C-alpha atoms as a PDB file:
ATOM      1  CA  MET A   1     -26.580  43.718  21.061  1.00  0.00           C
ATOM      2  CA  THR A   2     -23.386  41.466  20.369  1.00  0.00           C
ATOM      3  CA  SER A   3     -22.334  41.025  16.808  1.00  0.00           C
ATOM      4  CA  ARG A   4     -23.549  38.736  14.458  1.00  0.00           C
ATOM      5  CA  ALA A   5     -20.164  38.052  13.568  1.00  0.00           C
ATOM      6  CA  ASN A   6     -19.659  36.219  16.926  1.00  0.00           C
ATOM      7  CA  HIS A   7     -22.403  33.758  16.441  1.00  0.00           C
ATOM      8  CA  HIS A   8     -22.353  30.278  14.953  1.00  0.00           C
ATOM      9  CA  LEU A   9     -25.246  28.592  13.934  1.00  0.00           C
ATOM     10  CA  ASP A  10     -25.034  24.578  15.259  1.00  0.00           C
ATOM     11  CA  THR A  11     -27.298  21.956  15.490  1.00  0.00           C
ATOM     12  CA  TYR A  12     -28.547  22.702  18.360  1.00  0.00           C
ATOM     13  CA  LEU A  13     -29.622  26.281  17.342  1.00  0.00           C
ATOM     14  CA  LEU A  14     -31.187  25.070  14.412  1.00  0.00           C
ATOM     15  CA  ARG A  15     -33.762  22.366  15.661  1.00  0.00           C
ATOM     16  CA  VAL A  16     -34.249  24.605  18.326  1.00  0.00           C
ATOM     17  CA  LEU A  17     -34.976  27.678  15.857  1.00  0.00           C
ATOM     18  CA  HIS A  18     -37.417  25.013  13.896  1.00  0.00           C
ATOM     19  CA  THR A  19     -39.530  23.860  16.746  1.00  0.00           C
ATOM     20  CA  LEU A  20     -40.192  27.323  17.860  1.00  0.00           C
ATOM     21  CA  LEU A  21     -41.448  28.381  14.185  1.00  0.00           C
ATOM     22  CA  VAL A  22     -43.677  24.919  14.260  1.00  0.00           C
ATOM     23  CA  GLU A  23     -44.548  25.163  17.766  1.00  0.00           C
ATOM     24  CA  LYS A  24     -44.933  28.841  17.797  1.00  0.00           C
ATOM     25  CA  SER A  25     -44.535  28.894  21.825  1.00  0.00           C
ATOM     26  CA  VAL A  26     -41.738  28.982  24.123  1.00  0.00           C
ATOM     27  CA  SER A  27     -43.104  26.689  26.247  1.00  0.00           C
ATOM     28  CA  ARG A  28     -44.300  23.996  24.391  1.00  0.00           C
ATOM     29  CA  THR A  29     -40.759  24.140  22.863  1.00  0.00           C
ATOM     30  CA  ALA A  30     -39.173  23.971  25.821  1.00  0.00           C
ATOM     31  CA  ILE A  31     -41.286  20.654  26.583  1.00  0.00           C
ATOM     32  CA  LYS A  32     -40.451  19.155  23.725  1.00  0.00           C
ATOM     33  CA  LEU A  33     -36.862  19.614  23.618  1.00  0.00           C
ATOM     34  CA  GLY A  34     -36.502  18.499  27.195  1.00  0.00           C
ATOM     35  CA  GLN A  35     -35.415  22.241  28.028  1.00  0.00           C
ATOM     36  CA  SER A  36     -36.195  24.600  30.709  1.00  0.00           C
ATOM     37  CA  GLN A  37     -38.326  27.639  29.544  1.00  0.00           C
ATOM     38  CA  PRO A  38     -35.402  30.302  30.718  1.00  0.00           C
ATOM     39  CA  THR A  39     -33.203  27.734  28.037  1.00  0.00           C
ATOM     40  CA  ILE A  40     -35.219  28.520  25.174  1.00  0.00           C
ATOM     41  CA  SER A  41     -36.112  32.043  25.909  1.00  0.00           C
ATOM     42  CA  ASN A  42     -32.109  32.685  25.980  1.00  0.00           C
ATOM     43  CA  THR A  43     -31.655  30.501  22.503  1.00  0.00           C
ATOM     44  CA  LEU A  44     -34.482  32.582  20.844  1.00  0.00           C
ATOM     45  CA  LYS A  45     -32.325  35.642  22.261  1.00  0.00           C
ATOM     46  CA  ARG A  46     -29.347  34.391  20.515  1.00  0.00           C
ATOM     47  CA  LEU A  47     -30.967  33.476  17.276  1.00  0.00           C
ATOM     48  CA  ARG A  48     -32.614  36.914  16.659  1.00  0.00           C
ATOM     49  CA  GLU A  49     -28.827  38.356  17.201  1.00  0.00           C
ATOM     50  CA  LEU A  50     -28.052  35.969  14.826  1.00  0.00           C
ATOM     51  CA  THR A  51     -30.480  36.600  12.345  1.00  0.00           C
ATOM     52  CA  GLY A  52     -31.232  40.432  13.441  1.00  0.00           C
ATOM     53  CA  ASP A  53     -34.831  39.153  13.011  1.00  0.00           C
ATOM     54  CA  ALA A  54     -37.333  38.892  15.735  1.00  0.00           C
ATOM     55  CA  ILE A  55     -38.443  35.620  14.496  1.00  0.00           C
ATOM     56  CA  LEU A  56     -41.456  35.343  16.529  1.00  0.00           C
ATOM     57  CA  VAL A  57     -43.483  38.856  17.646  1.00  0.00           C
ATOM     58  CA  ARG A  58     -47.145  38.453  19.874  1.00  0.00           C
ATOM     59  CA  GLY A  59     -50.253  38.376  18.067  1.00  0.00           C
ATOM     60  CA  LYS A  60     -53.781  38.446  19.201  1.00  0.00           C
ATOM     61  CA  THR A  61     -54.120  34.644  19.758  1.00  0.00           C
ATOM     62  CA  GLY A  62     -50.215  33.801  20.504  1.00  0.00           C
ATOM     63  CA  MET A  63     -46.824  34.118  18.970  1.00  0.00           C
ATOM     64  CA  VAL A  64     -47.058  34.202  15.301  1.00  0.00           C
ATOM     65  CA  ALA A  65     -44.121  34.020  12.841  1.00  0.00           C
ATOM     66  CA  THR A  66     -42.642  37.330  11.201  1.00  0.00           C
ATOM     67  CA  GLU A  67     -42.070  37.017   7.303  1.00  0.00           C
ATOM     68  CA  ARG A  68     -38.427  36.304   8.070  1.00  0.00           C
ATOM     69  CA  GLY A  69     -39.395  33.756  10.074  1.00  0.00           C
ATOM     70  CA  GLN A  70     -41.429  31.911   7.499  1.00  0.00           C
ATOM     71  CA  GLU A  71     -38.354  31.955   5.821  1.00  0.00           C
ATOM     72  CA  LEU A  72     -36.367  30.320   8.151  1.00  0.00           C
ATOM     73  CA  LEU A  73     -38.934  27.640   8.926  1.00  0.00           C
ATOM     74  CA  THR A  74     -38.134  26.330   5.472  1.00  0.00           C
ATOM     75  CA  LEU A  75     -34.968  26.797   5.819  1.00  0.00           C
ATOM     76  CA  ALA A  76     -34.301  25.082   9.108  1.00  0.00           C
ATOM     77  CA  LYS A  77     -36.214  21.755   7.660  1.00  0.00           C
ATOM     78  CA  GLU A  78     -33.255  22.100   5.162  1.00  0.00           C
ATOM     79  CA  GLY A  79     -30.772  22.357   7.371  1.00  0.00           C
ATOM     80  CA  LEU A  80     -31.758  19.840   9.628  1.00  0.00           C
ATOM     81  CA  ASP A  81     -32.034  17.360   6.645  1.00  0.00           C
ATOM     82  CA  VAL A  82     -28.774  18.314   5.934  1.00  0.00           C
ATOM     83  CA  PHE A  83     -27.199  17.276   8.977  1.00  0.00           C
ATOM     84  CA  GLU A  84     -29.399  14.266   9.584  1.00  0.00           C
ATOM     85  CA  LYS A  85     -27.819  12.889   5.896  1.00  0.00           C
ATOM     86  CA  ILE A  86     -24.375  13.725   6.645  1.00  0.00           C
ATOM     87  CA  GLY A  87     -24.783  11.772  10.274  1.00  0.00           C
ATOM     88  CA  ALA A  88     -26.434   8.518   8.665  1.00  0.00           C
ATOM     89  CA  PRO A  89     -25.116   5.613   7.961  1.00  0.00           C
ATOM     90  CA  VAL A  90     -23.514   5.220   4.374  1.00  0.00           C
ATOM     91  CA  ALA A  91     -26.301   3.515   2.096  1.00  0.00           C
ATOM     92  CA  ALA A  92     -25.944  -0.260   1.166  1.00  0.00           C
ATOM     93  CA  PHE A  93     -24.906  -0.700  -2.439  1.00  0.00           C
ATOM     94  CA  GLU A  94     -27.637  -2.246  -4.513  1.00  0.00           C
ATOM     95  CA  ALA A  95     -25.963  -3.760  -7.089  1.00  0.00           C
ATOM     96  CA  GLY A  96     -29.173  -4.916  -9.130  1.00  0.00           C
ATOM     97  CA  SER A  97     -30.455  -1.586  -9.405  1.00  0.00           C
ATOM     98  CA  THR A  98     -27.826   0.961  -9.539  1.00  0.00           C
ATOM     99  CA  GLY A  99     -26.495   2.737 -12.733  1.00  0.00           C
ATOM    100  CA  ARG A 100     -22.885   3.024 -11.309  1.00  0.00           C
ATOM    101  CA  VAL A 101     -19.980   3.316 -14.080  1.00  0.00           C
ATOM    102  CA  PHE A 102     -16.649   1.685 -12.636  1.00  0.00           C
ATOM    103  CA  HIS A 103     -13.519   3.069 -13.967  1.00  0.00           C
ATOM    104  CA  VAL A 104     -10.534   0.023 -13.680  1.00  0.00           C
ATOM    105  CA  GLY A 105      -7.432   0.050 -14.845  1.00  0.00           C
ATOM    106  CA  THR A 106      -5.246  -3.245 -16.024  1.00  0.00           C
ATOM    107  CA  PRO A 107      -2.352  -4.331 -17.697  1.00  0.00           C
ATOM    108  CA  ASP A 108      -3.098  -5.441 -21.529  1.00  0.00           C
ATOM    109  CA  TYR A 109      -1.912  -9.175 -20.167  1.00  0.00           C
ATOM    110  CA  LEU A 110      -5.030  -9.363 -18.127  1.00  0.00           C
ATOM    111  CA  ASN A 111      -7.423  -9.327 -21.414  1.00  0.00           C
ATOM    112  CA  VAL A 112      -7.387 -12.488 -22.140  1.00  0.00           C
ATOM    113  CA  LEU A 113      -7.417 -14.141 -18.763  1.00  0.00           C
ATOM    114  CA  LEU A 114      -9.516 -11.935 -16.184  1.00  0.00           C
ATOM    115  CA  ILE A 115     -11.262  -8.891 -17.936  1.00  0.00           C
ATOM    116  CA  PRO A 116     -13.912 -10.920 -20.069  1.00  0.00           C
ATOM    117  CA  SER A 117     -14.679 -13.114 -16.386  1.00  0.00           C
ATOM    118  CA  ILE A 118     -15.086  -9.420 -14.763  1.00  0.00           C
ATOM    119  CA  ILE A 119     -17.169  -7.889 -17.392  1.00  0.00           C
ATOM    120  CA  GLU A 120     -19.420 -11.253 -17.543  1.00  0.00           C
ATOM    121  CA  GLN A 121     -20.315 -10.936 -13.769  1.00  0.00           C
ATOM    122  CA  VAL A 122     -20.852  -7.003 -13.717  1.00  0.00           C
ATOM    123  CA  ARG A 123     -23.685  -7.587 -16.440  1.00  0.00           C
ATOM    124  CA  ARG A 124     -24.723 -10.345 -14.836  1.00  0.00           C
ATOM    125  CA  ARG A 125     -25.061  -8.931 -11.197  1.00  0.00           C
ATOM    126  CA  ALA A 126     -25.168  -5.170 -11.840  1.00  0.00           C
ATOM    127  CA  PRO A 127     -27.348  -5.197 -15.305  1.00  0.00           C
ATOM    128  CA  GLY A 128     -27.519  -1.645 -15.111  1.00  0.00           C
ATOM    129  CA  ALA A 129     -23.670  -0.551 -14.246  1.00  0.00           C
ATOM    130  CA  SER A 130     -21.315   0.101 -16.530  1.00  0.00           C
ATOM    131  CA  LEU A 131     -17.230  -1.426 -16.173  1.00  0.00           C
ATOM    132  CA  MET A 132     -14.972   0.765 -18.272  1.00  0.00           C
ATOM    133  CA  VAL A 133     -11.498  -0.584 -18.641  1.00  0.00           C
ATOM    134  CA  HIS A 134      -8.702   1.421 -19.288  1.00  0.00           C
ATOM    135  CA  ALA A 135      -5.405   0.377 -20.681  1.00  0.00           C
ATOM    136  CA  LEU A 136      -1.964   1.478 -18.330  1.00  0.00           C
ATOM    137  CA  ASP A 137       0.422   2.924 -20.445  1.00  0.00           C
ATOM    138  CA  ALA A 138       3.418   5.591 -20.035  1.00  0.00           C
ATOM    139  CA  GLY A 139       0.762   8.720 -20.670  1.00  0.00           C
ATOM    140  CA  LEU A 140      -1.493   7.378 -17.328  1.00  0.00           C
ATOM    141  CA  ASP A 141      -0.820   8.580 -14.169  1.00  0.00           C
ATOM    142  CA  TYR A 142      -2.468   5.851 -12.456  1.00  0.00           C
ATOM    143  CA  SER A 143      -1.790   7.253  -8.951  1.00  0.00           C
ATOM    144  CA  ASN A 144      -3.230  10.689  -9.594  1.00  0.00           C
ATOM    145  CA  ALA A 145      -6.022   8.907 -11.503  1.00  0.00           C
ATOM    146  CA  LEU A 146      -7.215   6.759  -7.980  1.00  0.00           C
ATOM    147  CA  GLU A 147      -6.521   9.835  -5.915  1.00  0.00           C
ATOM    148  CA  THR A 148      -8.737  12.217  -8.384  1.00  0.00           C
ATOM    149  CA  GLY A 149     -11.820   9.488  -9.077  1.00  0.00           C
ATOM    150  CA  ARG A 150     -11.286   9.024 -12.797  1.00  0.00           C
ATOM    151  CA  LEU A 151     -10.236   5.076 -11.801  1.00  0.00           C
ATOM    152  CA  ASP A 152     -11.916   3.326  -9.075  1.00  0.00           C
ATOM    153  CA  LEU A 153      -9.225   0.574  -8.949  1.00  0.00           C
ATOM    154  CA  VAL A 154      -5.871  -0.715 -10.833  1.00  0.00           C
ATOM    155  CA  ILE A 155      -5.051  -3.935 -11.209  1.00  0.00           C
ATOM    156  CA  GLY A 156      -1.105  -4.180 -11.590  1.00  0.00           C
ATOM    157  CA  ASN A 157       1.981  -6.487 -11.024  1.00  0.00           C
ATOM    158  CA  TRP A 158       4.887  -4.236 -10.803  1.00  0.00           C
ATOM    159  CA  PRO A 159       7.647  -4.674  -8.072  1.00  0.00           C
ATOM    160  CA  ASP A 160       6.806  -1.902  -6.122  1.00  0.00           C
ATOM    161  CA  PRO A 161       3.411  -0.493  -6.024  1.00  0.00           C
ATOM    162  CA  PRO A 162       3.219   2.852  -4.303  1.00  0.00           C
ATOM    163  CA  GLU A 163       2.998   2.759  -0.518  1.00  0.00           C
ATOM    164  CA  HIS A 164      -0.075   5.085   0.024  1.00  0.00           C
ATOM    165  CA  LEU A 165      -2.428   2.853  -2.136  1.00  0.00           C
ATOM    166  CA  HIS A 166      -4.507  -0.059  -0.643  1.00  0.00           C
ATOM    167  CA  LEU A 167      -3.651  -3.220  -1.949  1.00  0.00           C
ATOM    168  CA  ALA A 168      -5.369  -6.911  -2.044  1.00  0.00           C
ATOM    169  CA  GLN A 169      -3.686  -9.762  -3.934  1.00  0.00           C
ATOM    170  CA  LEU A 170      -5.458 -11.210  -6.680  1.00  0.00           C
ATOM    171  CA  PHE A 171      -3.158 -14.147  -7.774  1.00  0.00           C
ATOM    172  CA  GLU A 172       0.371 -15.533  -8.787  1.00  0.00           C
ATOM    173  CA  ASP A 173       2.190 -16.507 -11.787  1.00  0.00           C
ATOM    174  CA  GLU A 174       4.532 -18.974 -12.821  1.00  0.00           C
ATOM    175  CA  VAL A 175       6.907 -17.164 -15.180  1.00  0.00           C
ATOM    176  CA  VAL A 176       7.653 -19.107 -18.537  1.00  0.00           C
ATOM    177  CA  CYS A 177       8.441 -18.588 -22.068  1.00  0.00           C
ATOM    178  CA  MET A 178       7.132 -19.114 -25.393  1.00  0.00           C
ATOM    179  CA  MET A 179       7.935 -19.642 -28.924  1.00  0.00           C
ATOM    180  CA  HIS A 180       7.216 -21.222 -31.755  1.00  0.00           C
ATOM    181  CA  ARG A 181       7.272 -25.012 -31.936  1.00  0.00           C
ATOM    182  CA  ASP A 182       9.113 -25.415 -34.481  1.00  0.00           C
ATOM    183  CA  HIS A 183      12.047 -23.391 -33.484  1.00  0.00           C
ATOM    184  CA  PRO A 184      15.550 -25.155 -33.342  1.00  0.00           C
ATOM    185  CA  VAL A 185      15.626 -24.031 -29.483  1.00  0.00           C
ATOM    186  CA  ALA A 186      12.393 -25.796 -28.835  1.00  0.00           C
ATOM    187  CA  LYS A 187      14.151 -29.042 -29.874  1.00  0.00           C
ATOM    188  CA  LYS A 188      17.001 -28.614 -28.201  1.00  0.00           C
ATOM    189  CA  GLY A 189      16.035 -27.682 -25.089  1.00  0.00           C
ATOM    190  CA  LEU A 190      15.941 -23.679 -23.545  1.00  0.00           C
ATOM    191  CA  THR A 191      19.143 -23.084 -21.719  1.00  0.00           C
ATOM    192  CA  LEU A 192      19.783 -19.701 -20.037  1.00  0.00           C
ATOM    193  CA  LYS A 193      22.951 -19.354 -22.785  1.00  0.00           C
ATOM    194  CA  TYR A 194      20.213 -19.849 -25.391  1.00  0.00           C
ATOM    195  CA  TYR A 195      17.768 -17.711 -23.323  1.00  0.00           C
ATOM    196  CA  VAL A 196      20.331 -14.859 -23.513  1.00  0.00           C
ATOM    197  CA  GLU A 197      21.596 -14.989 -27.247  1.00  0.00           C
ATOM    198  CA  MET A 198      18.055 -15.518 -28.450  1.00  0.00           C
ATOM    199  CA  PRO A 199      15.996 -12.699 -29.573  1.00  0.00           C
ATOM    200  CA  HIS A 200      13.432 -11.392 -27.872  1.00  0.00           C
ATOM    201  CA  LEU A 201      10.209 -10.267 -28.113  1.00  0.00           C
ATOM    202  CA  ALA A 202       9.188  -7.979 -24.920  1.00  0.00           C
ATOM    203  CA  PRO A 203       5.661  -5.905 -24.012  1.00  0.00           C
ATOM    204  CA  THR A 204       6.305  -2.159 -24.341  1.00  0.00           C
ATOM    205  CA  PRO A 205       6.492  -0.779 -20.614  1.00  0.00           C
ATOM    206  CA  TYR A 206       3.392   0.748 -19.372  1.00  0.00           C
ATOM    207  CA  ILE A 207       5.130   2.894 -16.944  1.00  0.00           C
ATOM    208  CA  GLU A 208       7.440   5.295 -17.687  1.00  0.00           C
ATOM    209  CA  GLY A 209      10.929   4.412 -16.409  1.00  0.00           C
ATOM    210  CA  HIS A 210       9.586   0.949 -15.472  1.00  0.00           C
ATOM    211  CA  ARG A 211      11.889  -2.214 -15.498  1.00  0.00           C
ATOM    212  CA  SER A 212      10.344  -5.666 -16.010  1.00  0.00           C
ATOM    213  CA  GLY A 213      11.188  -8.151 -12.920  1.00  0.00           C
ATOM    214  CA  ILE A 214      12.438 -10.556 -15.714  1.00  0.00           C
ATOM    215  CA  ASP A 215      15.220  -8.041 -16.722  1.00  0.00           C
ATOM    216  CA  ALA A 216      16.334  -7.151 -12.949  1.00  0.00           C
ATOM    217  CA  ALA A 217      16.612 -10.846 -12.736  1.00  0.00           C
ATOM    218  CA  LEU A 218      18.925 -11.419 -15.355  1.00  0.00           C
ATOM    219  CA  ALA A 219      21.039  -7.991 -14.262  1.00  0.00           C
ATOM    220  CA  GLU A 220      21.592  -9.834 -10.835  1.00  0.00           C
ATOM    221  CA  GLN A 221      23.299 -12.325 -12.698  1.00  0.00           C
ATOM    222  CA  GLY A 222      25.376  -9.928 -14.906  1.00  0.00           C
ATOM    223  CA  LEU A 223      22.800 -10.851 -17.597  1.00  0.00           C
ATOM    224  CA  LYS A 224      20.713  -8.732 -20.146  1.00  0.00           C
ATOM    225  CA  ARG A 225      18.113 -10.190 -22.973  1.00  0.00           C
ATOM    226  CA  ASN A 226      18.097  -9.050 -26.492  1.00  0.00           C
ATOM    227  CA  ILE A 227      14.501  -7.293 -27.038  1.00  0.00           C
ATOM    228  CA  GLN A 228      14.507  -7.616 -30.812  1.00  0.00           C
ATOM    229  CA  ALA A 229      10.648  -6.215 -30.814  1.00  0.00           C
ATOM    230  CA  ALA A 230       8.516  -4.662 -28.284  1.00  0.00           C
ATOM    231  CA  ILE A 231       4.598  -4.670 -28.745  1.00  0.00           C
ATOM    232  CA  PRO A 232       1.931  -3.022 -26.669  1.00  0.00           C
ATOM    233  CA  TYR A 233      -0.771  -5.356 -27.338  1.00  0.00           C
ATOM    234  CA  PHE A 234      -0.369  -9.236 -25.787  1.00  0.00           C
ATOM    235  CA  ALA A 235      -2.836  -9.887 -28.153  1.00  0.00           C
ATOM    236  CA  LEU A 236      -0.674 -10.020 -30.607  1.00  0.00           C
ATOM    237  CA  VAL A 237       2.131 -12.120 -29.203  1.00  0.00           C
ATOM    238  CA  PRO A 238       0.699 -15.425 -31.087  1.00  0.00           C
ATOM    239  CA  HIS A 239       0.656 -13.897 -34.028  1.00  0.00           C
ATOM    240  CA  VAL A 240       4.011 -12.314 -33.739  1.00  0.00           C
ATOM    241  CA  LEU A 241       5.553 -15.777 -32.695  1.00  0.00           C
ATOM    242  CA  ALA A 242       4.130 -17.872 -35.040  1.00  0.00           C
ATOM    243  CA  LYS A 243       5.695 -15.801 -37.922  1.00  0.00           C
ATOM    244  CA  SER A 244       9.317 -15.382 -36.090  1.00  0.00           C
ATOM    245  CA  ASP A 245      12.128 -17.097 -34.387  1.00  0.00           C
ATOM    246  CA  LEU A 246      11.505 -14.563 -30.856  1.00  0.00           C
ATOM    247  CA  ILE A 247      11.271 -15.905 -27.326  1.00  0.00           C
ATOM    248  CA  PHE A 248       8.205 -14.309 -25.214  1.00  0.00           C
ATOM    249  CA  THR A 249       8.362 -14.446 -21.244  1.00  0.00           C
ATOM    250  CA  THR A 250       5.439 -14.263 -19.902  1.00  0.00           C
ATOM    251  CA  GLY A 251       3.100 -16.081 -17.509  1.00  0.00           C
ATOM    252  CA  ARG A 252       2.036 -19.420 -17.573  1.00  0.00           C
ATOM    253  CA  GLN A 253      -1.673 -18.635 -17.298  1.00  0.00           C
ATOM    254  CA  PHE A 254      -1.284 -16.245 -20.500  1.00  0.00           C
ATOM    255  CA  ALA A 255       0.728 -19.223 -22.714  1.00  0.00           C
ATOM    256  CA  ASN A 256      -1.114 -21.654 -21.619  1.00  0.00           C
ATOM    257  CA  TYR A 257      -4.239 -20.089 -23.193  1.00  0.00           C
ATOM    258  CA  PHE A 258      -2.785 -19.955 -26.797  1.00  0.00           C
ATOM    259  CA  VAL A 259      -1.105 -23.107 -27.142  1.00  0.00           C
ATOM    260  CA  LYS A 260      -3.953 -25.042 -28.257  1.00  0.00           C
ATOM    261  CA  ASP A 261      -4.749 -22.829 -31.046  1.00  0.00           C
ATOM    262  CA  TRP A 262      -1.358 -21.808 -32.065  1.00  0.00           C
ATOM    263  CA  PRO A 263       2.027 -23.265 -32.903  1.00  0.00           C
ATOM    264  CA  ILE A 264       3.532 -22.236 -30.138  1.00  0.00           C
ATOM    265  CA  GLN A 265       5.828 -24.329 -27.372  1.00  0.00           C
ATOM    266  CA  VAL A 266       5.846 -23.326 -23.707  1.00  0.00           C
ATOM    267  CA  PHE A 267       9.035 -23.721 -22.199  1.00  0.00           C
ATOM    268  CA  PRO A 268      10.284 -23.649 -18.152  1.00  0.00           C
ATOM    269  CA  LEU A 269      12.174 -20.178 -17.815  1.00  0.00           C
ATOM    270  CA  PRO A 270      15.945 -21.364 -17.245  1.00  0.00           C
ATOM    271  CA  PHE A 271      16.457 -19.447 -14.015  1.00  0.00           C
ATOM    272  CA  GLU A 272      15.438 -18.699 -10.831  1.00  0.00           C
ATOM    273  CA  MET A 273      12.577 -16.023 -10.524  1.00  0.00           C
ATOM    274  CA  PRO A 274      10.022 -15.387  -8.435  1.00  0.00           C
ATOM    275  CA  LYS A 275       6.528 -16.031  -9.715  1.00  0.00           C
ATOM    276  CA  MET A 276       4.281 -12.886 -11.029  1.00  0.00           C
ATOM    277  CA  ARG A 277       1.931 -11.410  -8.439  1.00  0.00           C
ATOM    278  CA  PHE A 278      -1.089  -9.809  -9.536  1.00  0.00           C
ATOM    279  CA  TYR A 279      -3.189  -7.132  -7.199  1.00  0.00           C
ATOM    280  CA  MET A 280      -5.602  -4.387  -6.823  1.00  0.00           C
ATOM    281  CA  LEU A 281      -4.513  -0.894  -6.000  1.00  0.00           C
ATOM    282  CA  TRP A 282      -7.066   1.678  -4.588  1.00  0.00           C
ATOM    283  CA  HIS A 283      -6.817   5.137  -2.900  1.00  0.00           C
ATOM    284  CA  THR A 284      -8.304   5.733   0.941  1.00  0.00           C
ATOM    285  CA  ARG A 285     -10.892   8.077  -0.522  1.00  0.00           C
ATOM    286  CA  SER A 286     -12.426   4.915  -1.895  1.00  0.00           C
ATOM    287  CA  HIS A 287     -11.281   2.471   0.805  1.00  0.00           C
ATOM    288  CA  VAL A 288     -14.694   1.909   2.560  1.00  0.00           C
ATOM    289  CA  ALA A 289     -16.917   3.399  -0.559  1.00  0.00           C
ATOM    290  CA  PRO A 290     -19.960   0.690  -0.447  1.00  0.00           C
ATOM    291  CA  ASP A 291     -20.117   0.417  -4.449  1.00  0.00           C
ATOM    292  CA  VAL A 292     -16.031   0.184  -4.612  1.00  0.00           C
ATOM    293  CA  VAL A 293     -16.206  -2.186  -2.203  1.00  0.00           C
ATOM    294  CA  TRP A 294     -18.524  -4.288  -4.225  1.00  0.00           C
ATOM    295  CA  LEU A 295     -16.641  -3.758  -7.248  1.00  0.00           C
ATOM    296  CA  ARG A 296     -13.283  -5.446  -5.301  1.00  0.00           C
ATOM    297  CA  ARG A 297     -15.163  -8.397  -3.595  1.00  0.00           C
ATOM    298  CA  LEU A 298     -16.167  -9.286  -7.566  1.00  0.00           C
ATOM    299  CA  ILE A 299     -12.803  -9.240  -9.073  1.00  0.00           C
ATOM    300  CA  SER A 300     -11.498 -11.606  -5.910  1.00  0.00           C
ATOM    301  CA  GLU A 301     -13.809 -13.711  -6.672  1.00  0.00           C
ATOM    302  CA  VAL A 302     -14.174 -14.099 -10.362  1.00  0.00           C
ATOM    303  CA  ALA A 303      -9.835 -14.648  -9.674  1.00  0.00           C
ATOM    304  CA  VAL A 304     -10.876 -17.662  -7.424  1.00  0.00           C
ATOM    305  CA  GLY A 305     -13.463 -18.980  -9.513  1.00  0.00           C
ATOM    306  CA  LEU A 306     -11.132 -19.293 -12.359  1.00  0.00           C
ATOM    307  CA  GLY A 307      -8.543 -20.900 -10.409  1.00  0.00           C
ATOM    308  CA  MET A 308      -5.906 -18.291 -10.399  1.00  0.00           C
ATOM    309  CA  SER A 309      -4.499 -18.684  -6.462  1.00  0.00           C
ATOM    310  CA  ALA A 310      -5.465 -15.675  -4.736  1.00  0.00           C
ATOM    311  CA  THR A 311      -2.932 -15.180  -1.693  1.00  0.00           C
END
């Protein structure tokens, strides 16, 4: 007898095993599976060698399953069910009935612009789902979090996103400056000379070792801004500008949000700089996952609905 170690159970053997134990007949199994009787007999021999059991033995009224055979019938059914599920198409995502918990990493900048509307739409379209928003900071390895599934996607705007991640553009935003409307420079007009000399408020970098696009653009001209204060939360910006002589550089949509309720004025950036580009990032592991595809589409639709220019 050939060693059992040289045999491998495949779907064909599993299907023959299951059919033999249901039909309790080599001939009926052959007919049902469209095989010849000798082929099924040889397969039964292989199954006996593999399991070390007769599986089917002769009785008074025909073939009967051994005790081990009875156990194998249940196992074979379960195995075939597993193979069927593996080969079946991925089930469609049902947003209305899901209890899925989504995890999204975003910069604090978007908390007053995009995130409230995303949450609104998730609540409307998937009331049983949960959306957990994670702040991006220097202590979070977002690339690893996407790879391991701790995050489903990340919304970012840094100049050089990792090439191994998938990317979809969300919107662009013009870079502008904010300062107190009674600031002396506000009356004179913001020039490049004033911009470099003025004390600046800046966001705390949320990626370790990351230099902002603003500082990179200035460095190309041999210039450097005078950062006098840094804060981790963008929501503090209007509070700080209302009580100081600092200038803050940001996107126009963020600046315009606060102008109507705060003593703040918005100025064009006094030097050429590309628009800020915001995008979604996700790992290949979730590229075709129906639930994550649904979330990405929802976020894109929200951005468009808010009048943000997707590119």
